[in-house]
């Protein structure tokens, strides 16, 4: 399923093929994590807050308690 792409600008920009963007729900403004793994460059979609909503196993109260603790430490 690998595709060949071309670096299109001096700044290193390239285009992710349309079917990959559609499959992963990547659109303008989506955030991607870029990493080097061995000899490869990987892109991983960073979920938005809306996509993460409701995925935590913490109670709302526990989540707020932990956020408060992190704010105090910061």
N, C-alpha and C. Protein backbone atom coordinates (compact mmCIF):
# COMPACT_ATOMS: atom_id res chain seq x y z
N UNK A 1 0.82 -1.19 0.00
CA UNK A 1 0.00 0.00 0.00
C UNK A 1 0.86 1.26 0.00
N UNK A 2 2.17 1.12 -0.12
CA UNK A 2 3.06 2.28 -0.13
C UNK A 2 2.87 3.11 -1.39
N UNK A 3 2.98 4.40 -1.23
CA UNK A 3 2.88 5.34 -2.35
C UNK A 3 4.15 6.17 -2.38
N UNK A 4 4.56 6.55 -3.56
CA UNK A 4 5.70 7.44 -3.71
C UNK A 4 5.17 8.86 -3.81
N UNK A 5 5.77 9.77 -3.04
CA UNK A 5 5.39 11.18 -3.09
C UNK A 5 6.63 12.01 -3.37
N UNK A 6 6.43 13.26 -3.73
CA UNK A 6 7.52 14.16 -4.07
C UNK A 6 7.53 15.32 -3.09
N UNK A 7 8.72 15.71 -2.64
CA UNK A 7 8.85 16.91 -1.84
C UNK A 7 8.61 18.08 -2.79
N UNK A 8 7.64 18.93 -2.45
CA UNK A 8 7.17 19.93 -3.41
C UNK A 8 7.73 21.34 -3.19
N UNK A 9 8.34 21.59 -2.05
CA UNK A 9 8.86 22.93 -1.78
C UNK A 9 10.19 22.85 -1.06
N UNK A 10 10.90 23.95 -1.06
CA UNK A 10 12.19 24.00 -0.37
C UNK A 10 12.05 23.68 1.11
N UNK A 11 10.93 24.02 1.69
CA UNK A 11 10.71 23.79 3.12
C UNK A 11 10.45 22.33 3.46
N UNK A 12 10.43 21.45 2.47
CA UNK A 12 10.25 20.03 2.72
C UNK A 12 8.82 19.57 2.68
N UNK A 13 7.91 20.38 2.16
CA UNK A 13 6.49 19.99 2.12
C UNK A 13 6.25 18.88 1.11
N UNK A 14 5.30 18.04 1.44
CA UNK A 14 4.85 17.00 0.53
C UNK A 14 3.34 16.85 0.70
N UNK A 15 2.72 16.07 -0.13
CA UNK A 15 1.28 15.86 -0.05
C UNK A 15 0.99 14.42 0.32
N UNK A 16 0.15 14.22 1.32
CA UNK A 16 -0.28 12.88 1.70
C UNK A 16 -1.38 12.47 0.72
N UNK A 17 -1.27 11.30 0.12
CA UNK A 17 -2.29 10.87 -0.86
C UNK A 17 -3.71 10.96 -0.30
N UNK A 18 -4.65 11.35 -1.17
CA UNK A 18 -6.03 11.59 -0.77
C UNK A 18 -6.65 10.39 -0.06
N UNK A 19 -6.44 9.16 -0.60
CA UNK A 19 -7.08 8.00 0.04
C UNK A 19 -6.55 7.76 1.45
N UNK A 20 -5.28 8.12 1.72
CA UNK A 20 -4.74 7.98 3.08
C UNK A 20 -5.38 9.01 4.00
N UNK A 21 -5.49 10.26 3.50
CA UNK A 21 -6.13 11.30 4.32
C UNK A 21 -7.56 10.94 4.65
N UNK A 22 -8.29 10.44 3.65
CA UNK A 22 -9.69 10.06 3.87
C UNK A 22 -9.79 8.92 4.87
N UNK A 23 -8.95 7.91 4.70
CA UNK A 23 -9.01 6.74 5.58
C UNK A 23 -8.76 7.11 7.04
N UNK A 24 -7.85 8.07 7.27
CA UNK A 24 -7.51 8.46 8.64
C UNK A 24 -8.23 9.70 9.12
N UNK A 25 -9.08 10.28 8.27
CA UNK A 25 -9.82 11.48 8.68
C UNK A 25 -8.91 12.70 8.83
N UNK A 26 -7.87 12.78 8.02
CA UNK A 26 -6.96 13.92 8.08
C UNK A 26 -7.46 14.98 7.12
N UNK A 27 -7.64 16.18 7.65
CA UNK A 27 -8.07 17.30 6.81
C UNK A 27 -7.27 18.53 7.20
N UNK A 28 -7.49 19.62 6.49
CA UNK A 28 -6.76 20.85 6.78
C UNK A 28 -6.92 21.19 8.26
N UNK A 29 -5.82 21.45 8.92
CA UNK A 29 -5.83 21.77 10.34
C UNK A 29 -5.58 20.58 11.24
N UNK A 30 -5.64 19.36 10.70
CA UNK A 30 -5.34 18.16 11.51
C UNK A 30 -3.87 18.22 11.94
N UNK A 31 -3.59 17.70 13.13
CA UNK A 31 -2.22 17.67 13.62
C UNK A 31 -1.66 16.26 13.46
N UNK A 32 -0.40 16.21 13.05
CA UNK A 32 0.30 14.94 12.86
C UNK A 32 1.58 14.96 13.68
N UNK A 33 1.91 13.83 14.27
CA UNK A 33 3.20 13.66 14.94
C UNK A 33 4.16 13.09 13.91
N UNK A 34 5.33 13.69 13.77
CA UNK A 34 6.34 13.24 12.81
C UNK A 34 7.49 12.63 13.59
N UNK A 35 7.94 11.46 13.16
CA UNK A 35 9.00 10.77 13.88
C UNK A 35 9.91 10.06 12.88
N UNK A 36 11.11 9.76 13.32
CA UNK A 36 12.03 8.95 12.53
C UNK A 36 12.14 7.60 13.20
N UNK A 37 11.87 6.55 12.44
CA UNK A 37 11.97 5.17 12.93
C UNK A 37 12.94 4.45 12.00
N UNK A 38 14.15 4.22 12.48
CA UNK A 38 15.16 3.62 11.62
C UNK A 38 15.44 4.54 10.44
N UNK A 39 15.20 4.05 9.25
CA UNK A 39 15.41 4.82 8.02
C UNK A 39 14.10 5.38 7.46
N UNK A 40 13.05 5.41 8.29
CA UNK A 40 11.74 5.84 7.82
C UNK A 40 11.27 7.09 8.56
N UNK A 41 10.47 7.89 7.88
CA UNK A 41 9.77 9.01 8.49
C UNK A 41 8.33 8.55 8.67
N UNK A 42 7.79 8.65 9.88
CA UNK A 42 6.41 8.25 10.12
C UNK A 42 5.57 9.46 10.51
N UNK A 43 4.32 9.43 10.10
CA UNK A 43 3.34 10.44 10.48
C UNK A 43 2.22 9.73 11.22
N UNK A 44 1.87 10.22 12.39
CA UNK A 44 0.79 9.64 13.18
C UNK A 44 -0.21 10.75 13.49
N UNK A 45 -1.48 10.48 13.19
CA UNK A 45 -2.51 11.49 13.46
C UNK A 45 -2.64 11.69 14.97
N UNK A 46 -2.67 12.94 15.39
CA UNK A 46 -2.88 13.30 16.79
C UNK A 46 -4.38 13.53 16.94
N UNK A 47 -5.05 12.74 17.78
CA UNK A 47 -6.50 12.91 17.92
C UNK A 47 -6.84 14.28 18.50
N UNK A 48 -7.93 14.86 18.02
CA UNK A 48 -8.40 16.14 18.56
C UNK A 48 -9.09 15.90 19.89
N UNK A 49 -9.31 16.96 20.64
CA UNK A 49 -10.01 16.83 21.92
C UNK A 49 -11.40 16.25 21.73
N UNK A 50 -12.07 16.63 20.65
CA UNK A 50 -13.41 16.09 20.39
C UNK A 50 -13.35 14.58 20.14
N UNK A 51 -12.31 14.11 19.45
CA UNK A 51 -12.18 12.68 19.19
C UNK A 51 -11.87 11.91 20.47
N UNK A 52 -11.22 12.58 21.42
CA UNK A 52 -10.87 11.93 22.69
C UNK A 52 -12.00 11.98 23.71
N UNK A 53 -12.96 12.85 23.51
CA UNK A 53 -14.05 13.02 24.48
C UNK A 53 -14.73 11.68 24.75
N UNK A 54 -14.84 11.36 26.03
CA UNK A 54 -15.54 10.15 26.43
C UNK A 54 -14.70 8.89 26.39
N UNK A 55 -13.40 9.00 26.08
CA UNK A 55 -12.57 7.80 25.97
C UNK A 55 -11.85 7.45 27.27
N UNK A 56 -11.85 8.35 28.23
CA UNK A 56 -11.14 8.11 29.49
C UNK A 56 -11.94 7.19 30.40
N UNK A 57 -11.24 6.36 31.13
CA UNK A 57 -11.88 5.50 32.11
C UNK A 57 -11.98 6.19 33.48
N UNK A 58 -11.41 7.41 33.58
CA UNK A 58 -11.48 8.16 34.82
C UNK A 58 -12.86 8.80 34.97
N UNK A 59 -13.27 8.93 36.22
CA UNK A 59 -14.49 9.69 36.46
C UNK A 59 -14.18 11.17 36.21
N UNK A 60 -15.21 11.93 35.99
CA UNK A 60 -15.02 13.37 35.76
C UNK A 60 -14.31 14.01 36.95
N UNK A 61 -14.71 13.63 38.14
CA UNK A 61 -14.11 14.21 39.35
C UNK A 61 -12.63 13.88 39.44
N UNK A 62 -12.27 12.62 39.14
CA UNK A 62 -10.86 12.22 39.19
C UNK A 62 -10.05 12.95 38.12
N UNK A 63 -10.62 13.13 36.95
CA UNK A 63 -9.92 13.85 35.88
C UNK A 63 -9.65 15.29 36.31
N UNK A 64 -10.65 15.95 36.89
CA UNK A 64 -10.46 17.33 37.36
C UNK A 64 -9.44 17.38 38.49
N UNK A 65 -9.47 16.40 39.39
CA UNK A 65 -8.50 16.35 40.49
C UNK A 65 -7.08 16.26 39.94
N UNK A 66 -6.88 15.39 38.94
CA UNK A 66 -5.53 15.24 38.35
C UNK A 66 -5.09 16.50 37.61
N UNK A 67 -6.03 17.13 36.92
CA UNK A 67 -5.69 18.39 36.24
C UNK A 67 -5.28 19.45 37.25
N UNK A 68 -6.00 19.55 38.35
CA UNK A 68 -5.66 20.52 39.39
C UNK A 68 -4.27 20.24 39.94
N UNK A 69 -3.94 18.95 40.15
CA UNK A 69 -2.61 18.60 40.66
C UNK A 69 -1.53 19.01 39.66
N UNK A 70 -1.77 18.78 38.38
CA UNK A 70 -0.77 19.14 37.37
C UNK A 70 -0.61 20.65 37.30
N UNK A 71 -1.69 21.40 37.46
CA UNK A 71 -1.59 22.86 37.44
C UNK A 71 -0.77 23.37 38.63
N UNK A 72 -0.94 22.74 39.79
CA UNK A 72 -0.19 23.14 40.98
C UNK A 72 1.29 22.84 40.82
N UNK A 73 1.61 21.74 40.12
CA UNK A 73 3.02 21.37 39.92
C UNK A 73 3.71 22.28 38.92
N UNK A 74 2.92 22.79 37.93
CA UNK A 74 3.47 23.54 36.80
C UNK A 74 3.93 24.89 37.16
